PDB file of N, CA and C in Angstrom:
ATOM      1  N   UNK A   1    -199.825 -53.550  63.702  1.00  0.00           N
ATOM      2  CA  UNK A   1    -201.220 -53.400  63.340  1.00  0.00           C
ATOM      3  C   UNK A   1    -201.336 -52.957  61.879  1.00  0.00           C
ATOM      4  N   UNK A   2    -202.177 -53.636  61.123  1.00  0.00           N
ATOM      5  CA  UNK A   2    -202.376 -53.308  59.716  1.00  0.00           C
ATOM      6  C   UNK A   2    -203.353 -52.139  59.570  1.00  0.00           C
ATOM      7  N   UNK A   3    -203.116 -51.320  58.559  1.00  0.00           N
ATOM      8  CA  UNK A   3    -204.059 -50.264  58.214  1.00  0.00           C
ATOM      9  C   UNK A   3    -205.200 -50.880  57.416  1.00  0.00           C
ATOM     10  N   UNK A   4    -206.367 -50.273  57.520  1.00  0.00           N
ATOM     11  CA  UNK A   4    -207.498 -50.684  56.706  1.00  0.00           C
ATOM     12  C   UNK A   4    -207.657 -49.684  55.574  1.00  0.00           C
ATOM     13  N   UNK A   5    -207.809 -50.185  54.382  1.00  0.00           N
ATOM     14  CA  UNK A   5    -208.027 -49.362  53.201  1.00  0.00           C
ATOM     15  C   UNK A   5    -209.526 -49.305  52.951  1.00  0.00           C
ATOM     16  N   UNK A   6    -210.093 -48.111  52.937  1.00  0.00           N
ATOM     17  CA  UNK A   6    -211.520 -47.928  52.682  1.00  0.00           C
ATOM     18  C   UNK A   6    -211.696 -47.516  51.232  1.00  0.00           C
ATOM     19  N   UNK A   7    -212.487 -48.273  50.514  1.00  0.00           N
ATOM     20  CA  UNK A   7    -212.644 -48.085  49.083  1.00  0.00           C
ATOM     21  C   UNK A   7    -214.100 -47.798  48.749  1.00  0.00           C
ATOM     22  N   UNK A   8    -214.347 -46.706  48.034  1.00  0.00           N
ATOM     23  CA  UNK A   8    -215.703 -46.358  47.612  1.00  0.00           C
ATOM     24  C   UNK A   8    -215.870 -46.614  46.127  1.00  0.00           C
ATOM     25  N   UNK A   9    -216.972 -47.231  45.743  1.00  0.00           N
ATOM     26  CA  UNK A   9    -217.247 -47.531  44.336  1.00  0.00           C
ATOM     27  C   UNK A   9    -218.566 -46.877  43.937  1.00  0.00           C
ATOM     28  N   UNK A  10    -218.575 -46.204  42.802  1.00  0.00           N
ATOM     29  CA  UNK A  10    -219.779 -45.554  42.290  1.00  0.00           C
ATOM     30  C   UNK A  10    -220.074 -46.109  40.908  1.00  0.00           C
ATOM     31  N   UNK A  11    -221.128 -46.891  40.798  1.00  0.00           N
ATOM     32  CA  UNK A  11    -221.474 -47.545  39.531  1.00  0.00           C
ATOM     33  C   UNK A  11    -222.275 -46.604  38.643  1.00  0.00           C
ATOM     34  N   UNK A  12    -221.902 -46.563  37.378  1.00  0.00           N
ATOM     35  CA  UNK A  12    -222.592 -45.722  36.407  1.00  0.00           C
ATOM     36  C   UNK A  12    -222.706 -46.494  35.095  1.00  0.00           C
ATOM     37  N   UNK A  13    -223.795 -47.218  34.913  1.00  0.00           N
ATOM     38  CA  UNK A  13    -224.006 -47.973  33.676  1.00  0.00           C
ATOM     39  C   UNK A  13    -222.985 -49.075  33.472  1.00  0.00           C
ATOM     40  N   UNK A  14    -222.173 -48.941  32.425  1.00  0.00           N
ATOM     41  CA  UNK A  14    -221.209 -49.974  32.066  1.00  0.00           C
ATOM     42  C   UNK A  14    -219.890 -49.862  32.824  1.00  0.00           C
ATOM     43  N   UNK A  15    -219.732 -48.819  33.623  1.00  0.00           N
ATOM     44  CA  UNK A  15    -218.458 -48.589  34.302  1.00  0.00           C
ATOM     45  C   UNK A  15    -218.642 -48.374  35.803  1.00  0.00           C
ATOM     46  N   UNK A  16    -217.545 -48.527  36.503  1.00  0.00           N
ATOM     47  CA  UNK A  16    -217.495 -48.154  37.912  1.00  0.00           C
ATOM     48  C   UNK A  16    -216.583 -46.944  37.965  1.00  0.00           C
ATOM     49  N   UNK A  17    -217.124 -45.855  38.449  1.00  0.00           N
ATOM     50  CA  UNK A  17    -216.469 -44.557  38.436  1.00  0.00           C
ATOM     51  C   UNK A  17    -216.075 -44.153  39.856  1.00  0.00           C
ATOM     52  N   UNK A  18    -215.121 -43.268  39.952  1.00  0.00           N
ATOM     53  CA  UNK A  18    -214.730 -42.664  41.228  1.00  0.00           C
ATOM     54  C   UNK A  18    -214.283 -43.710  42.247  1.00  0.00           C
ATOM     55  N   UNK A  19    -213.449 -44.592  41.839  1.00  0.00           N
ATOM     56  CA  UNK A  19    -212.872 -45.566  42.749  1.00  0.00           C
ATOM     57  C   UNK A  19    -211.839 -44.803  43.570  1.00  0.00           C
ATOM     58  N   UNK A  20    -212.024 -44.721  44.880  1.00  0.00           N
ATOM     59  CA  UNK A  20    -211.208 -43.819  45.687  1.00  0.00           C
ATOM     60  C   UNK A  20    -210.678 -44.473  46.953  1.00  0.00           C
ATOM     61  N   UNK A  21    -209.598 -43.916  47.474  1.00  0.00           N
ATOM     62  CA  UNK A  21    -208.966 -44.367  48.708  1.00  0.00           C
ATOM     63  C   UNK A  21    -208.734 -43.170  49.613  1.00  0.00           C
ATOM     64  N   UNK A  22    -209.264 -43.187  50.842  1.00  0.00           N
ATOM     65  CA  UNK A  22    -209.005 -42.079  51.761  1.00  0.00           C
ATOM     66  C   UNK A  22    -207.544 -42.065  52.207  1.00  0.00           C
ATOM     67  N   UNK A  23    -206.958 -40.902  52.236  1.00  0.00           N
ATOM     68  CA  UNK A  23    -205.580 -40.712  52.670  1.00  0.00           C
ATOM     69  C   UNK A  23    -205.566 -39.862  53.938  1.00  0.00           C
ATOM     70  N   UNK A  24    -204.417 -39.752  54.590  1.00  0.00           N
ATOM     71  CA  UNK A  24    -204.333 -38.894  55.774  1.00  0.00           C
ATOM     72  C   UNK A  24    -204.808 -37.473  55.457  1.00  0.00           C
ATOM     73  N   UNK A  25    -205.326 -36.793  56.424  1.00  0.00           N
ATOM     74  CA  UNK A  25    -205.781 -35.410  56.318  1.00  0.00           C
ATOM     75  C   UNK A  25    -207.013 -35.268  55.431  1.00  0.00           C
ATOM     76  N   UNK A  26    -207.785 -36.334  55.225  1.00  0.00           N
ATOM     77  CA  UNK A  26    -209.035 -36.276  54.496  1.00  0.00           C
ATOM     78  C   UNK A  26    -208.927 -36.238  52.976  1.00  0.00           C
ATOM     79  N   UNK A  27    -207.736 -36.387  52.450  1.00  0.00           N
ATOM     80  CA  UNK A  27    -207.568 -36.397  50.998  1.00  0.00           C
ATOM     81  C   UNK A  27    -208.105 -37.709  50.423  1.00  0.00           C
ATOM     82  N   UNK A  28    -208.423 -37.701  49.142  1.00  0.00           N
ATOM     83  CA  UNK A  28    -208.930 -38.894  48.470  1.00  0.00           C
ATOM     84  C   UNK A  28    -208.109 -39.151  47.215  1.00  0.00           C
ATOM     85  N   UNK A  29    -207.714 -40.391  47.017  1.00  0.00           N
ATOM     86  CA  UNK A  29    -206.967 -40.782  45.818  1.00  0.00           C
ATOM     87  C   UNK A  29    -207.923 -41.420  44.823  1.00  0.00           C
ATOM     88  N   UNK A  30    -207.919 -40.922  43.597  1.00  0.00           N
ATOM     89  CA  UNK A  30    -208.759 -41.457  42.529  1.00  0.00           C
ATOM     90  C   UNK A  30    -208.009 -42.619  41.875  1.00  0.00           C
ATOM     91  N   UNK A  31    -208.622 -43.795  41.875  1.00  0.00           N
ATOM     92  CA  UNK A  31    -207.969 -44.983  41.313  1.00  0.00           C
ATOM     93  C   UNK A  31    -208.314 -45.201  39.854  1.00  0.00           C
ATOM     94  N   UNK A  32    -209.334 -44.535  39.354  1.00  0.00           N
ATOM     95  CA  UNK A  32    -209.655 -44.653  37.946  1.00  0.00           C
ATOM     96  C   UNK A  32    -211.048 -45.172  37.662  1.00  0.00           C
ATOM     97  N   UNK A  33    -211.249 -45.519  36.407  1.00  0.00           N
ATOM     98  CA  UNK A  33    -212.528 -46.015  35.914  1.00  0.00           C
ATOM     99  C   UNK A  33    -212.309 -47.435  35.409  1.00  0.00           C
ATOM    100  N   UNK A  34    -213.155 -48.353  35.860  1.00  0.00           N
ATOM    101  CA  UNK A  34    -213.029 -49.740  35.442  1.00  0.00           C
ATOM    102  C   UNK A  34    -214.363 -50.214  34.882  1.00  0.00           C
ATOM    103  N   UNK A  35    -214.327 -51.310  34.144  1.00  0.00           N
ATOM    104  CA  UNK A  35    -215.548 -51.904  33.601  1.00  0.00           C
ATOM    105  C   UNK A  35    -216.407 -52.447  34.738  1.00  0.00           C
ATOM    106  N   UNK A  36    -217.709 -52.382  34.578  1.00  0.00           N
ATOM    107  CA  UNK A  36    -218.643 -52.898  35.572  1.00  0.00           C
ATOM    108  C   UNK A  36    -218.806 -54.402  35.349  1.00  0.00           C
ATOM    109  N   UNK A  37    -217.732 -55.137  35.615  1.00  0.00           N
ATOM    110  CA  UNK A  37    -217.693 -56.584  35.450  1.00  0.00           C
ATOM    111  C   UNK A  37    -216.971 -57.200  36.641  1.00  0.00           C
ATOM    112  N   UNK A  38    -217.403 -58.379  37.085  1.00  0.00           N
ATOM    113  CA  UNK A  38    -216.766 -59.020  38.235  1.00  0.00           C
ATOM    114  C   UNK A  38    -215.251 -59.174  38.089  1.00  0.00           C
ATOM    115  N   UNK A  39    -214.774 -59.526  36.914  1.00  0.00           N
ATOM    116  CA  UNK A  39    -213.336 -59.733  36.719  1.00  0.00           C
ATOM    117  C   UNK A  39    -212.551 -58.437  36.938  1.00  0.00           C
ATOM    118  N   UNK A  40    -213.102 -57.303  36.511  1.00  0.00           N
ATOM    119  CA  UNK A  40    -212.429 -56.015  36.695  1.00  0.00           C
ATOM    120  C   UNK A  40    -212.354 -55.641  38.164  1.00  0.00           C
ATOM    121  N   UNK A  41    -213.452 -55.856  38.889  1.00  0.00           N
ATOM    122  CA  UNK A  41    -213.468 -55.556  40.323  1.00  0.00           C
ATOM    123  C   UNK A  41    -212.492 -56.475  41.056  1.00  0.00           C
ATOM    124  N   UNK A  42    -212.465 -57.744  40.678  1.00  0.00           N
ATOM    125  CA  UNK A  42    -211.549 -58.701  41.302  1.00  0.00           C
ATOM    126  C   UNK A  42    -210.090 -58.289  41.103  1.00  0.00           C
ATOM    127  N   UNK A  43    -209.737 -57.847  39.899  1.00  0.00           N
ATOM    128  CA  UNK A  43    -208.359 -57.386  39.638  1.00  0.00           C
ATOM    129  C   UNK A  43    -208.010 -56.173  40.498  1.00  0.00           C
ATOM    130  N   UNK A  44    -208.954 -55.228  40.613  1.00  0.00           N
ATOM    131  CA  UNK A  44    -208.717 -54.040  41.430  1.00  0.00           C
ATOM    132  C   UNK A  44    -208.500 -54.421  42.892  1.00  0.00           C
ATOM    133  N   UNK A  45    -209.362 -55.267  43.424  1.00  0.00           N
ATOM    134  CA  UNK A  45    -209.242 -55.692  44.827  1.00  0.00           C
ATOM    135  C   UNK A  45    -207.914 -56.403  45.059  1.00  0.00           C
ATOM    136  N   UNK A  46    -207.534 -57.274  44.143  1.00  0.00           N
ATOM    137  CA  UNK A  46    -206.261 -57.989  44.268  1.00  0.00           C
ATOM    138  C   UNK A  46    -205.092 -57.008  44.295  1.00  0.00           C
ATOM    139  N   UNK A  47    -205.128 -56.016  43.417  1.00  0.00           N
ATOM    140  CA  UNK A  47    -204.051 -55.022  43.354  1.00  0.00           C
ATOM    141  C   UNK A  47    -203.982 -54.205  44.647  1.00  0.00           C
ATOM    142  N   UNK A  48    -205.144 -53.822  45.192  1.00  0.00           N
ATOM    143  CA  UNK A  48    -205.158 -53.000  46.399  1.00  0.00           C
ATOM    144  C   UNK A  48    -204.761 -53.785  47.651  1.00  0.00           C
ATOM    145  N   UNK A  49    -204.925 -55.085  47.640  1.00  0.00           N
ATOM    146  CA  UNK A  49    -204.550 -55.922  48.793  1.00  0.00           C
ATOM    147  C   UNK A  49    -203.100 -56.400  48.747  1.00  0.00           C
ATOM    148  N   UNK A  50    -202.350 -56.039  47.733  1.00  0.00           N
ATOM    149  CA  UNK A  50    -200.983 -56.540  47.569  1.00  0.00           C
ATOM    150  C   UNK A  50    -200.101 -56.290  48.784  1.00  0.00           C
ATOM    151  N   UNK A  51    -200.270 -55.170  49.440  1.00  0.00           N
ATOM    152  CA  UNK A  51    -199.394 -54.862  50.570  1.00  0.00           C
ATOM    153  C   UNK A  51    -199.888 -55.438  51.896  1.00  0.00           C
ATOM    154  N   UNK A  52    -200.949 -56.252  51.848  1.00  0.00           N
ATOM    155  CA  UNK A  52    -201.429 -56.950  53.036  1.00  0.00           C
ATOM    156  C   UNK A  52    -202.426 -56.190  53.875  1.00  0.00           C
ATOM    157  N   UNK A  53    -202.869 -55.011  53.429  1.00  0.00           N
ATOM    158  CA  UNK A  53    -203.854 -54.251  54.203  1.00  0.00           C
ATOM    159  C   UNK A  53    -205.223 -54.891  54.106  1.00  0.00           C
ATOM    160  N   UNK A  54    -206.019 -54.714  55.149  1.00  0.00           N
ATOM    161  CA  UNK A  54    -207.421 -55.118  55.106  1.00  0.00           C
ATOM    162  C   UNK A  54    -208.148 -54.141  54.185  1.00  0.00           C
ATOM    163  N   UNK A  55    -209.198 -54.613  53.544  1.00  0.00           N
ATOM    164  CA  UNK A  55    -209.937 -53.799  52.590  1.00  0.00           C
ATOM    165  C   UNK A  55    -211.404 -53.758  52.972  1.00  0.00           C
ATOM    166  N   UNK A  56    -211.954 -52.545  53.091  1.00  0.00           N
ATOM    167  CA  UNK A  56    -213.383 -52.351  53.354  1.00  0.00           C
ATOM    168  C   UNK A  56    -213.980 -51.656  52.149  1.00  0.00           C
ATOM    169  N   UNK A  57    -214.971 -52.275  51.516  1.00  0.00           N
ATOM    170  CA  UNK A  57    -215.565 -51.743  50.294  1.00  0.00           C
ATOM    171  C   UNK A  57    -216.995 -51.297  50.577  1.00  0.00           C
ATOM    172  N   UNK A  58    -217.338 -50.117  50.066  1.00  0.00           N
ATOM    173  CA  UNK A  58    -218.722 -49.634  50.216  1.00  0.00           C
ATOM    174  C   UNK A  58    -219.236 -49.113  48.899  1.00  0.00           C
TER     175      UNK A  58
END
């Protein structure tokens, strides 16, 4: 069974801030700040799906 990666995105003007991944025990991993552009989001999603996990974005 594959794990699902839950990803939260917070848009702030020209950037997407607080890109995070929930970890065991309620911890959150900060993935960084990216440009608020489709190509940047696509690269992030591609990178996060590399290990074959399902991805849920909110």
